[in-house]
Protein backbone atom coordinates (compact mmCIF):
# COMPACT_ATOMS: atom_id res chain seq x y z
CA UNK A 1 -9.28 25.26 27.34
CA UNK A 2 -9.68 21.67 26.04
CA UNK A 3 -7.21 19.89 23.84
CA UNK A 4 -7.91 18.69 20.30
CA UNK A 5 -8.68 15.04 19.32
CA UNK A 6 -6.53 14.43 16.29
CA UNK A 7 -7.45 11.29 14.20
CA UNK A 8 -3.99 9.92 13.21
CA UNK A 9 -3.81 7.66 10.08
CA UNK A 10 -1.90 4.53 10.46
CA UNK A 11 -0.40 2.31 7.65
CA UNK A 12 -2.03 -0.67 5.98
CA UNK A 13 1.26 -2.32 6.25
CA UNK A 14 5.01 -1.48 5.65
CA UNK A 15 6.80 -1.91 2.44
CA UNK A 16 10.00 -3.36 3.91
CA UNK A 17 11.98 -3.05 0.63
CA UNK A 18 11.53 0.68 0.46
CA UNK A 19 14.57 2.76 1.32
CA UNK A 20 14.76 5.76 3.65
CA UNK A 21 11.40 7.00 5.14
CA UNK A 22 9.35 3.63 5.32
CA UNK A 23 6.16 5.68 5.70
CA UNK A 24 6.78 8.23 2.91
CA UNK A 25 4.52 6.55 0.37
CA UNK A 26 1.63 6.10 2.77
CA UNK A 27 1.49 8.85 5.30
CA UNK A 28 1.98 12.60 4.42
CA UNK A 29 5.20 14.10 5.77
CA UNK A 30 3.33 16.85 7.43
CA UNK A 31 1.13 14.29 9.27
CA UNK A 32 4.21 12.34 10.34
CA UNK A 33 5.75 15.61 11.74
CA UNK A 34 2.72 16.41 13.64
CA UNK A 35 2.18 12.98 15.11
CA UNK A 36 5.77 13.08 16.40
CA UNK A 37 4.88 16.00 18.62
CA UNK A 38 2.12 14.27 20.63
CA UNK A 39 2.41 12.76 23.99
CA UNK A 40 -1.04 11.23 24.48
CA UNK A 41 -2.52 8.57 22.40
CA UNK A 42 -5.73 6.50 22.34
CA UNK A 43 -4.94 3.34 20.33
CA UNK A 44 -6.64 0.17 19.29
CA UNK A 45 -3.46 -1.68 20.09
CA UNK A 46 -0.69 -0.18 22.23
CA UNK A 47 2.01 -2.50 21.20
CA UNK A 48 1.65 -1.81 17.40
CA UNK A 49 1.24 1.89 18.11
CA UNK A 50 4.66 1.82 19.78
CA UNK A 51 6.12 0.03 16.71
CA UNK A 52 4.47 2.63 14.47
CA UNK A 53 6.03 5.39 16.48
CA UNK A 54 9.39 3.87 16.19
CA UNK A 55 8.94 3.88 12.38
CA UNK A 56 7.94 7.51 12.64
CA UNK A 57 11.02 8.38 14.66
CA UNK A 58 13.30 7.27 11.95
CA UNK A 59 12.41 10.34 10.01
CA UNK A 60 10.87 12.72 12.62
CA UNK A 61 12.51 12.79 16.14
CA UNK A 62 9.76 12.30 18.75
CA UNK A 63 9.15 15.23 21.02
CA UNK A 64 8.51 12.78 23.99
CA UNK A 65 10.31 9.44 24.40
CA UNK A 66 8.03 6.38 23.90
CA UNK A 67 8.47 5.74 27.62
CA UNK A 68 7.04 9.13 28.37
CA UNK A 69 4.05 8.89 26.12
CA UNK A 70 0.58 7.83 27.51
CA UNK A 71 -1.05 5.44 25.23
CA UNK A 72 -4.51 4.04 26.39
CA UNK A 73 -6.16 1.31 24.50
CA UNK A 74 -9.71 1.58 22.89
CA UNK A 75 -10.83 -1.63 21.03
CA UNK A 76 -13.89 -3.77 20.70
CA UNK A 77 -13.62 -5.05 24.30
CA UNK A 78 -13.51 -1.53 25.71
CA UNK A 79 -16.70 -0.95 27.84
CA UNK A 80 -18.65 2.23 26.92
CA UNK A 81 -18.32 3.61 30.47
CA UNK A 82 -14.47 3.80 29.95
CA UNK A 83 -14.80 6.30 27.27
CA UNK A 84 -15.06 9.30 29.51
CA UNK A 85 -11.83 8.43 31.14
CA UNK A 86 -10.07 8.33 27.77
CA UNK A 87 -11.21 12.00 27.38
CA UNK A 88 -9.66 13.14 30.59
CA UNK A 89 -6.30 14.41 28.95
CA UNK A 90 -8.37 16.36 26.36
CA UNK A 91 -10.58 17.98 29.11
CA UNK A 92 -7.12 18.87 30.99
CA UNK A 93 -5.98 20.70 27.86
CA UNK A 94 -3.67 18.13 26.22
CA UNK A 95 -3.97 17.19 22.60
CA UNK A 96 -4.55 13.57 22.00
CA UNK A 97 -3.97 11.39 18.89
CA UNK A 98 -6.57 8.66 18.10
CA UNK A 99 -4.80 5.84 16.19
CA UNK A 100 -6.47 2.72 14.62
CA UNK A 101 -4.78 -0.59 14.27
CA UNK A 102 -4.78 -0.11 10.35
CA UNK A 103 -5.98 2.76 8.19
CA UNK A 104 -7.95 5.74 9.23
CA UNK A 105 -9.49 5.87 12.80
CA UNK A 106 -13.30 5.79 13.31
CA UNK A 107 -14.06 4.10 9.92
CA UNK A 108 -14.87 0.44 10.57
CA UNK A 109 -13.13 1.19 13.86
CA UNK A 110 -14.32 1.42 17.59
CA UNK A 111 -12.75 4.83 17.72
CA UNK A 112 -16.06 6.32 16.37
CA UNK A 113 -17.64 6.06 19.77
CA UNK A 114 -14.87 8.22 21.24
CA UNK A 115 -15.21 10.79 18.46
CA UNK A 116 -18.94 10.99 19.07
CA UNK A 117 -18.39 11.51 22.69
CA UNK A 118 -15.83 14.17 21.92
CA UNK A 119 -18.41 16.18 20.00
CA UNK A 120 -20.91 15.74 22.78
CA UNK A 121 -18.34 17.26 25.16
CA UNK A 122 -17.61 20.12 22.60
CA UNK A 123 -14.06 18.91 22.22
CA UNK A 124 -12.50 19.87 18.82
CA UNK A 125 -12.03 16.97 16.53
CA UNK A 126 -9.57 17.09 13.62
CA UNK A 127 -9.07 14.23 11.11
CA UNK A 128 -5.74 14.07 9.28
CA UNK A 129 -5.08 12.61 5.85
CA UNK A 130 -4.11 8.92 5.45
CA UNK A 131 -4.98 5.67 3.75
CA UNK A 132 -8.41 4.09 3.99
CA UNK A 133 -8.60 0.53 2.75
CA UNK A 134 -12.35 0.86 2.07
CA UNK A 135 -11.96 3.98 -0.10
CA UNK A 136 -8.95 2.67 -1.85
CA UNK A 137 -10.68 -0.54 -2.61
CA UNK A 138 -13.82 1.26 -3.91
CA UNK A 139 -11.57 3.52 -6.13
CA UNK A 140 -9.82 0.62 -7.66
CA UNK A 141 -12.79 -1.66 -8.21
CA UNK A 142 -14.50 0.02 -11.04
CA UNK A 143 -17.91 -0.41 -9.12
CA UNK A 144 -20.35 2.33 -8.27
CA UNK A 145 -18.58 5.02 -6.22
CA UNK A 146 -21.64 7.21 -6.06
CA UNK A 147 -23.58 4.91 -3.97
CA UNK A 148 -22.03 2.44 -1.51
CA UNK A 149 -22.43 0.88 1.93
CA UNK A 150 -20.01 -0.92 4.25
CA UNK A 151 -21.36 -3.82 6.20
CA UNK A 152 -18.43 -5.07 8.12
CA UNK A 153 -18.31 -8.78 8.74
CA UNK A 154 -20.89 -11.23 7.58
CA UNK A 155 -22.18 -14.18 9.70
CA UNK A 156 -19.77 -17.11 10.00
CA UNK A 157 -22.67 -19.63 9.75
CA UNK A 158 -22.81 -20.75 6.07
CA UNK A 159 -26.66 -20.58 5.94
CA UNK A 160 -26.88 -17.17 7.63
CA UNK A 161 -24.12 -15.73 5.40
CA UNK A 162 -25.90 -16.97 2.25
CA UNK A 163 -29.08 -15.35 3.37
CA UNK A 164 -27.20 -12.05 4.15
CA UNK A 165 -25.46 -12.10 0.70
CA UNK A 166 -28.73 -12.46 -1.01
CA UNK A 167 -30.29 -9.70 0.99
CA UNK A 168 -27.32 -7.28 0.13
CA UNK A 169 -27.36 -8.38 -3.50
CA UNK A 170 -31.01 -7.54 -3.74
CA UNK A 171 -30.33 -4.13 -2.25
CA UNK A 172 -27.40 -3.58 -4.73
CA UNK A 173 -29.71 -4.37 -7.61
CA UNK A 174 -32.57 -2.14 -6.47
CA UNK A 175 -30.36 0.85 -5.44
CA UNK A 176 -27.45 0.32 -7.80
CA UNK A 177 -25.38 0.35 -4.73
CA UNK A 178 -21.88 -1.09 -4.21
CA UNK A 179 -21.64 -3.37 -1.07
CA UNK A 180 -18.30 -3.54 0.83
CA UNK A 181 -17.35 -6.32 3.23
CA UNK A 182 -14.42 -7.40 5.23
CA UNK A 183 -13.46 -10.96 6.62
CA UNK A 184 -10.96 -12.30 8.95
CA UNK A 185 -8.05 -12.92 6.65
CA UNK A 186 -7.82 -16.64 7.22
CA UNK A 187 -11.44 -17.03 5.95
CA UNK A 188 -10.95 -14.95 2.76
CA UNK A 189 -11.45 -18.07 0.61
CA UNK A 190 -14.63 -19.00 2.36
CA UNK A 191 -15.92 -15.47 1.62
CA UNK A 192 -15.00 -15.54 -2.01
CA UNK A 193 -16.56 -19.02 -2.41
CA UNK A 194 -19.78 -17.83 -0.82
CA UNK A 195 -20.06 -14.67 -2.89
CA UNK A 196 -19.22 -16.38 -6.14
CA UNK A 197 -21.87 -19.29 -5.52
CA UNK A 198 -24.61 -17.20 -3.94
CA UNK A 199 -24.51 -14.16 -6.20
CA UNK A 200 -26.12 -13.99 -9.57
CA UNK A 201 -23.73 -14.95 -12.37
CA UNK A 202 -23.45 -11.35 -13.74
CA UNK A 203 -22.79 -9.76 -10.42
CA UNK A 204 -19.46 -7.96 -10.34
CA UNK A 205 -17.18 -8.97 -7.37
CA UNK A 206 -13.91 -7.18 -6.51
CA UNK A 207 -11.26 -8.67 -4.25
CA UNK A 208 -8.81 -6.02 -2.94
CA UNK A 209 -5.76 -7.39 -1.01
CA UNK A 210 -2.75 -5.60 0.65
CA UNK A 211 -3.72 -2.19 -0.49
CA UNK A 212 -0.82 0.30 -0.71
CA UNK A 213 1.70 -2.46 -0.45
CA UNK A 214 4.11 -3.85 -3.08
CA UNK A 215 1.94 -7.00 -2.94
CA UNK A 216 -1.35 -5.16 -3.64
CA UNK A 217 -3.81 -6.97 -5.75
CA UNK A 218 -7.09 -5.65 -7.14
CA UNK A 219 -9.24 -7.95 -9.30
CA UNK A 220 -12.88 -7.43 -10.50
CA UNK A 221 -14.72 -10.18 -12.25
CA UNK A 222 -18.27 -11.51 -12.46
CA UNK A 223 -19.43 -14.10 -9.92
CA UNK A 224 -19.48 -16.71 -12.77
CA UNK A 225 -15.92 -15.85 -13.65
CA UNK A 226 -14.80 -16.20 -10.02
CA UNK A 227 -16.65 -19.49 -9.75
CA UNK A 228 -14.79 -20.80 -12.77
CA UNK A 229 -11.40 -19.63 -11.57
CA UNK A 230 -11.93 -21.15 -8.21
CA UNK A 231 -12.88 -24.36 -9.79
CA UNK A 232 -9.39 -24.25 -11.55
CA UNK A 233 -7.55 -23.55 -8.43
CA UNK A 234 -6.86 -19.99 -9.56
CA UNK A 235 -7.82 -18.09 -6.36
CA UNK A 236 -6.09 -14.75 -5.54
CA UNK A 237 -3.07 -14.71 -3.37
CA UNK A 238 -5.01 -13.50 -0.39
CA UNK A 239 -4.55 -16.30 2.29
CA UNK A 240 -4.20 -14.52 5.76
CA UNK A 241 -3.97 -11.11 4.00
CA UNK A 242 -6.12 -8.09 4.76
CA UNK A 243 -8.75 -7.96 1.98
CA UNK A 244 -11.79 -5.91 1.14
CA UNK A 245 -14.74 -7.57 -0.82
CA UNK A 246 -16.93 -5.42 -2.95
CA UNK A 247 -19.86 -6.46 -5.23
CA UNK A 248 -22.41 -4.69 -7.44
CA UNK A 249 -25.37 -6.32 -8.98
CA UNK A 250 -25.84 -5.85 -12.67
């Protein structure tokens, strides 16, 4: 009998000022308790996964010591041919937790490839409840939650990025569809400047930063309003902070 591939939610960050269980406001207690029982993990980053497990152990004793755990890495540099090897514990009957660097696995995350292969091998997959930065941003944006699309990163070349923004804005206008993007945190300002200058003045743009943390910020304004605020040095406090960008053409 094969094991089950559990999709383990991770935090979007830790509220260090919180007393007691630091994960309580982010990860359901039942998910914490179950995660503490696992011995096998596939993680985007082994080091940060160990740190997460240490936080977890403060409230729920780990069934296996961190030294006894098997943590294999799966990230954007993992070759496709290595995925079969990551499934071996499952094929041997062990349950495995797939954990992303932040948020829920397999959404804007290379873990989706492993999940797809697990289905192909008829391995049971079970997603567990946790925070998704994309859905939290969409919920708080006030933009269309009935139709939306996530596009990941835009080109870093300014001309190519401007062209892509125009394409997505045209799609948003025609389909009344919210467009979601992410950016490397140190380029957040460049992204907001590009969106506010390339989009039509009435297009709504939401900037969602540090979601689920004490420093969380959600601001939705028109492109024209953002452009004015940026000219007055009134940018959001989002430098080097995880941020989701959303826009909807009016």
